[in-house]
C-alpha cells in the first residue's frame, strides 16, 4: 500500500497514475480542501467525547476525598495519573482503572509476601502472620474480581460490599502483628496503600450508585 507521501499531490515522491496525465490547479485545491474537511471530521469526535481531562481527574479525586475523610486526595491523583488512560476516560472507566490497580497491587503484594517468607530474619511468629496475610490477600483478589464484574454491570451496591470486604484484608493483616507486644509489621506501607486503593474503589461505586 503506498504511503501518504506518495498519495498526496505536491509531495516530492508523488507519482501520477498512468491514466492521470494532468491535474489542474483547481483540482489540486479541491483535493486539499477535501482532505482538510475529512481530517476535521475525523478529529471532531475527540473534542466532544464525554471523557475526563487531567483537571477532571483532580476533581474526581477531590470528590472521592470529600466523601471519605480517610481517603488521601494526593494519593488518589498520583495513583490515577500513573495510568495514561486516566486522562481520556469517563468516570465509570476511571473507576474500573482504579479497581484494576487494586487487583494488581494485591497480586504484587502476594509475591512480596512470598519473598518475605524466605527471609531468615523473621521469627516463627512473624512468618505465621505473613502466612495469614498471604491468605487474606489471596481471598481479597477473588473478592475484588467479583466486585469488578459487579461494577462493570452497574451493580454498584454489590460492588461496594466487595470492596469493603477486600479492604478488611489490610486491617486484619496489620492487627495480626500487633497482637504480640513489640512486634512490628513489615507490611505497614503496603497495607496502607492497599487500604487507600480500596477506599477509592468504594468511593467510585458510591458516587456512581447515586447518579
Protein backbone atom coordinates (compact mmCIF):
# COMPACT_ATOMS: atom_id res chain seq x y z
CA UNK A 1 0.00 0.00 0.00
CA UNK A 2 1.52 3.42 -0.93
CA UNK A 3 2.45 5.77 1.89
CA UNK A 4 0.78 9.12 2.44
CA UNK A 5 3.75 10.85 0.91
CA UNK A 6 3.19 9.01 -2.37
CA UNK A 7 -0.52 9.63 -2.31
CA UNK A 8 -0.71 13.39 -1.64
CA UNK A 9 -0.36 15.81 -4.57
CA UNK A 10 2.53 18.20 -4.11
CA UNK A 11 4.76 15.60 -2.41
CA UNK A 12 8.25 15.19 -3.82
CA UNK A 13 7.66 11.47 -4.15
CA UNK A 14 4.18 11.76 -5.62
CA UNK A 15 3.71 9.65 -8.74
CA UNK A 16 0.79 10.03 -11.11
CA UNK A 17 -1.20 7.01 -12.11
CA UNK A 18 -0.91 6.16 -15.84
CA UNK A 19 -4.41 7.34 -16.60
CA UNK A 20 -3.81 10.75 -14.97
CA UNK A 21 -1.96 12.89 -17.41
CA UNK A 22 -2.69 16.31 -15.92
CA UNK A 23 -4.19 17.74 -12.74
CA UNK A 24 -5.30 21.33 -12.89
CA UNK A 25 -4.55 23.82 -10.04
CA UNK A 26 -8.31 23.91 -9.29
CA UNK A 27 -8.37 20.11 -8.85
CA UNK A 28 -5.36 20.25 -6.54
CA UNK A 29 -7.06 22.97 -4.47
CA UNK A 30 -10.23 20.87 -4.18
CA UNK A 31 -8.23 17.79 -3.16
CA UNK A 32 -6.51 19.72 -0.38
CA UNK A 33 -9.82 21.15 0.79
CA UNK A 34 -11.46 17.72 0.82
CA UNK A 35 -8.52 16.30 2.76
CA UNK A 36 -8.80 19.12 5.31
CA UNK A 37 -12.54 18.57 5.73
CA UNK A 38 -12.06 14.82 6.12
CA UNK A 39 -9.36 15.34 8.77
CA UNK A 40 -11.56 17.74 10.72
CA UNK A 41 -14.46 15.30 10.65
CA UNK A 42 -12.21 12.53 11.98
CA UNK A 43 -10.92 14.69 14.83
CA UNK A 44 -14.27 16.23 15.74
CA UNK A 45 -15.46 13.35 17.98
CA UNK A 46 -12.34 13.70 20.11
CA UNK A 47 -13.38 17.19 21.18
CA UNK A 48 -16.87 16.11 22.18
CA UNK A 49 -16.04 12.72 23.74
CA UNK A 50 -17.54 12.63 27.25
CA UNK A 51 -14.17 11.96 28.86
CA UNK A 52 -12.23 13.31 31.78
CA UNK A 53 -9.42 15.79 31.28
CA UNK A 54 -6.41 15.94 33.58
CA UNK A 55 -8.22 18.61 35.62
CA UNK A 56 -11.24 16.33 35.84
CA UNK A 57 -9.09 13.61 37.42
CA UNK A 58 -8.24 16.12 40.13
CA UNK A 59 -11.91 17.00 40.52
CA UNK A 60 -12.87 13.34 40.71
CA UNK A 61 -10.28 12.70 43.42
CA UNK A 62 -11.47 15.76 45.31
CA UNK A 63 -14.98 14.41 45.15
CA UNK A 64 -13.83 10.99 46.38
CA UNK A 65 -11.81 12.52 49.23
CA UNK A 66 -14.71 14.72 50.29
CA UNK A 67 -16.93 11.65 50.50
CA UNK A 68 -14.48 9.75 52.71
CA UNK A 69 -12.12 11.72 55.01
CA UNK A 70 -9.80 8.71 55.27
CA UNK A 71 -9.08 8.82 51.53
CA UNK A 72 -5.95 10.82 50.72
CA UNK A 73 -6.51 13.23 47.84
CA UNK A 74 -2.88 13.38 46.65
CA UNK A 75 -2.60 9.60 46.76
CA UNK A 76 -5.70 9.35 44.57
CA UNK A 77 -4.36 11.81 41.99
CA UNK A 78 -0.89 10.23 41.86
CA UNK A 79 -2.33 6.73 41.54
CA UNK A 80 -4.78 7.52 38.73
CA UNK A 81 -2.42 9.76 36.78
CA UNK A 82 0.16 6.95 36.74
CA UNK A 83 -2.11 5.31 34.16
CA UNK A 84 -2.10 7.30 30.86
CA UNK A 85 -5.67 6.16 30.12
CA UNK A 86 -6.98 8.17 33.07
CA UNK A 87 -6.83 11.38 31.01
CA UNK A 88 -9.25 10.21 28.34
CA UNK A 89 -11.94 8.16 30.07
CA UNK A 90 -15.36 8.57 31.61
CA UNK A 91 -15.97 8.46 35.34
CA UNK A 92 -17.11 4.84 35.12
CA UNK A 93 -13.98 3.88 33.19
CA UNK A 94 -11.84 5.74 35.69
CA UNK A 95 -13.41 3.66 38.44
CA UNK A 96 -12.63 0.49 36.51
CA UNK A 97 -9.00 1.58 36.17
CA UNK A 98 -8.87 2.12 39.92
CA UNK A 99 -10.22 -1.38 40.58
CA UNK A 100 -7.68 -2.99 38.25
CA UNK A 101 -4.93 -1.07 40.06
CA UNK A 102 -6.16 -2.52 43.34
CA UNK A 103 -6.17 -6.07 41.97
CA UNK A 104 -2.67 -5.58 40.54
CA UNK A 105 -1.47 -4.16 43.84
CA UNK A 106 -2.81 -7.16 45.79
CA UNK A 107 -1.23 -9.56 43.31
CA UNK A 108 2.17 -7.87 43.64
CA UNK A 109 1.77 -7.83 47.40
CA UNK A 110 1.29 -11.60 47.41
CA UNK A 111 4.58 -12.01 45.56
CA UNK A 112 6.28 -9.70 48.05
CA UNK A 113 4.95 -11.73 50.99
CA UNK A 114 6.33 -14.91 49.39
CA UNK A 115 9.74 -13.23 49.32
CA UNK A 116 9.47 -12.22 52.98
CA UNK A 117 8.61 -15.77 53.96
CA UNK A 118 12.01 -16.83 52.59
CA UNK A 119 13.76 -14.17 54.66
CA UNK A 120 15.57 -15.73 57.64
CA UNK A 121 15.34 -12.52 59.65
CA UNK A 122 11.73 -13.24 60.59
CA UNK A 123 10.93 -15.45 63.55
CA UNK A 124 8.21 -18.13 63.53
CA UNK A 125 5.60 -15.71 64.91
CA UNK A 126 6.25 -13.15 62.15
CA UNK A 127 6.16 -15.83 59.48
CA UNK A 128 2.87 -17.08 60.86
CA UNK A 129 1.47 -13.56 60.50
CA UNK A 130 2.84 -13.33 56.97
CA UNK A 131 1.15 -16.58 56.02
CA UNK A 132 -2.12 -15.21 57.40
CA UNK A 133 -1.65 -12.06 55.31
CA UNK A 134 -0.94 -14.17 52.24
CA UNK A 135 -4.24 -15.97 52.68
CA UNK A 136 -6.08 -12.72 53.33
CA UNK A 137 -4.81 -11.11 50.15
CA UNK A 138 -5.48 -14.25 48.10
CA UNK A 139 -9.12 -14.08 49.19
CA UNK A 140 -9.18 -10.30 48.60
CA UNK A 141 -8.12 -10.76 44.97
CA UNK A 142 -11.01 -13.15 44.32
CA UNK A 143 -13.40 -10.74 46.03
CA UNK A 144 -12.12 -7.78 44.02
CA UNK A 145 -12.55 -9.64 40.74
CA UNK A 146 -16.18 -10.35 41.59
CA UNK A 147 -16.66 -6.72 42.65
CA UNK A 148 -15.11 -5.61 39.36
CA UNK A 149 -17.70 -7.63 37.44
CA UNK A 150 -20.47 -6.11 39.57
CA UNK A 151 -19.05 -2.65 38.90
CA UNK A 152 -18.95 -3.20 35.12
CA UNK A 153 -22.56 -4.41 35.22
CA UNK A 154 -23.55 -1.33 37.27
CA UNK A 155 -24.44 -3.45 40.30
CA UNK A 156 -22.86 -0.83 42.49
CA UNK A 157 -24.40 -1.98 45.77
CA UNK A 158 -22.87 -5.44 45.40
CA UNK A 159 -19.59 -3.91 44.26
CA UNK A 160 -19.45 -1.76 47.38
CA UNK A 161 -19.85 -4.81 49.59
CA UNK A 162 -16.98 -6.49 47.76
CA UNK A 163 -14.66 -3.50 48.13
CA UNK A 164 -15.45 -3.21 51.85
CA UNK A 165 -14.75 -6.89 52.35
CA UNK A 166 -11.45 -6.76 50.43
CA UNK A 167 -10.37 -3.71 52.39
CA UNK A 168 -10.53 -5.71 55.62
CA UNK A 169 -7.56 -7.78 54.43
CA UNK A 170 -5.12 -4.92 55.07
CA UNK A 171 -6.59 -4.14 58.50
CA UNK A 172 -6.63 -7.76 59.66
CA UNK A 173 -3.12 -8.30 58.31
CA UNK A 174 -1.77 -5.40 60.40
CA UNK A 175 -3.64 -6.42 63.52
CA UNK A 176 -2.05 -9.88 63.43
CA UNK A 177 1.43 -8.45 64.01
CA UNK A 178 0.34 -6.16 66.83
CA UNK A 179 -1.16 -8.98 68.85
CA UNK A 180 2.38 -9.66 70.08
CA UNK A 181 3.88 -6.88 72.13
CA UNK A 182 6.85 -5.24 70.44
CA UNK A 183 6.18 -6.88 67.10
CA UNK A 184 6.40 -4.57 64.05
CA UNK A 185 4.64 -5.21 60.79
CA UNK A 186 6.92 -5.42 57.72
CA UNK A 187 3.85 -4.69 55.56
CA UNK A 188 2.68 -1.39 57.06
CA UNK A 189 3.29 0.69 53.92
CA UNK A 190 1.92 -2.00 51.62
CA UNK A 191 -1.19 -2.49 53.76
CA UNK A 192 -1.82 1.26 53.82
CA UNK A 193 -1.53 1.53 50.03
CA UNK A 194 -3.96 -1.33 49.50
CA UNK A 195 -6.35 0.22 52.03
CA UNK A 196 -6.29 3.55 50.15
CA UNK A 197 -6.89 1.86 46.80
CA UNK A 198 -9.91 0.03 48.21
CA UNK A 199 -11.22 3.33 49.58
CA UNK A 200 -11.01 4.77 46.07
CA UNK A 201 -12.90 1.82 44.59
CA UNK A 202 -15.55 2.09 47.26
CA UNK A 203 -15.95 5.83 46.75
CA UNK A 204 -16.30 5.45 42.96
CA UNK A 205 -19.04 2.85 43.42
CA UNK A 206 -20.81 5.02 46.00
CA UNK A 207 -20.80 8.09 43.76
CA UNK A 208 -21.96 6.18 40.68
CA UNK A 209 -24.64 4.40 42.70
CA UNK A 210 -26.24 7.76 43.43
CA UNK A 211 -26.12 9.15 39.88
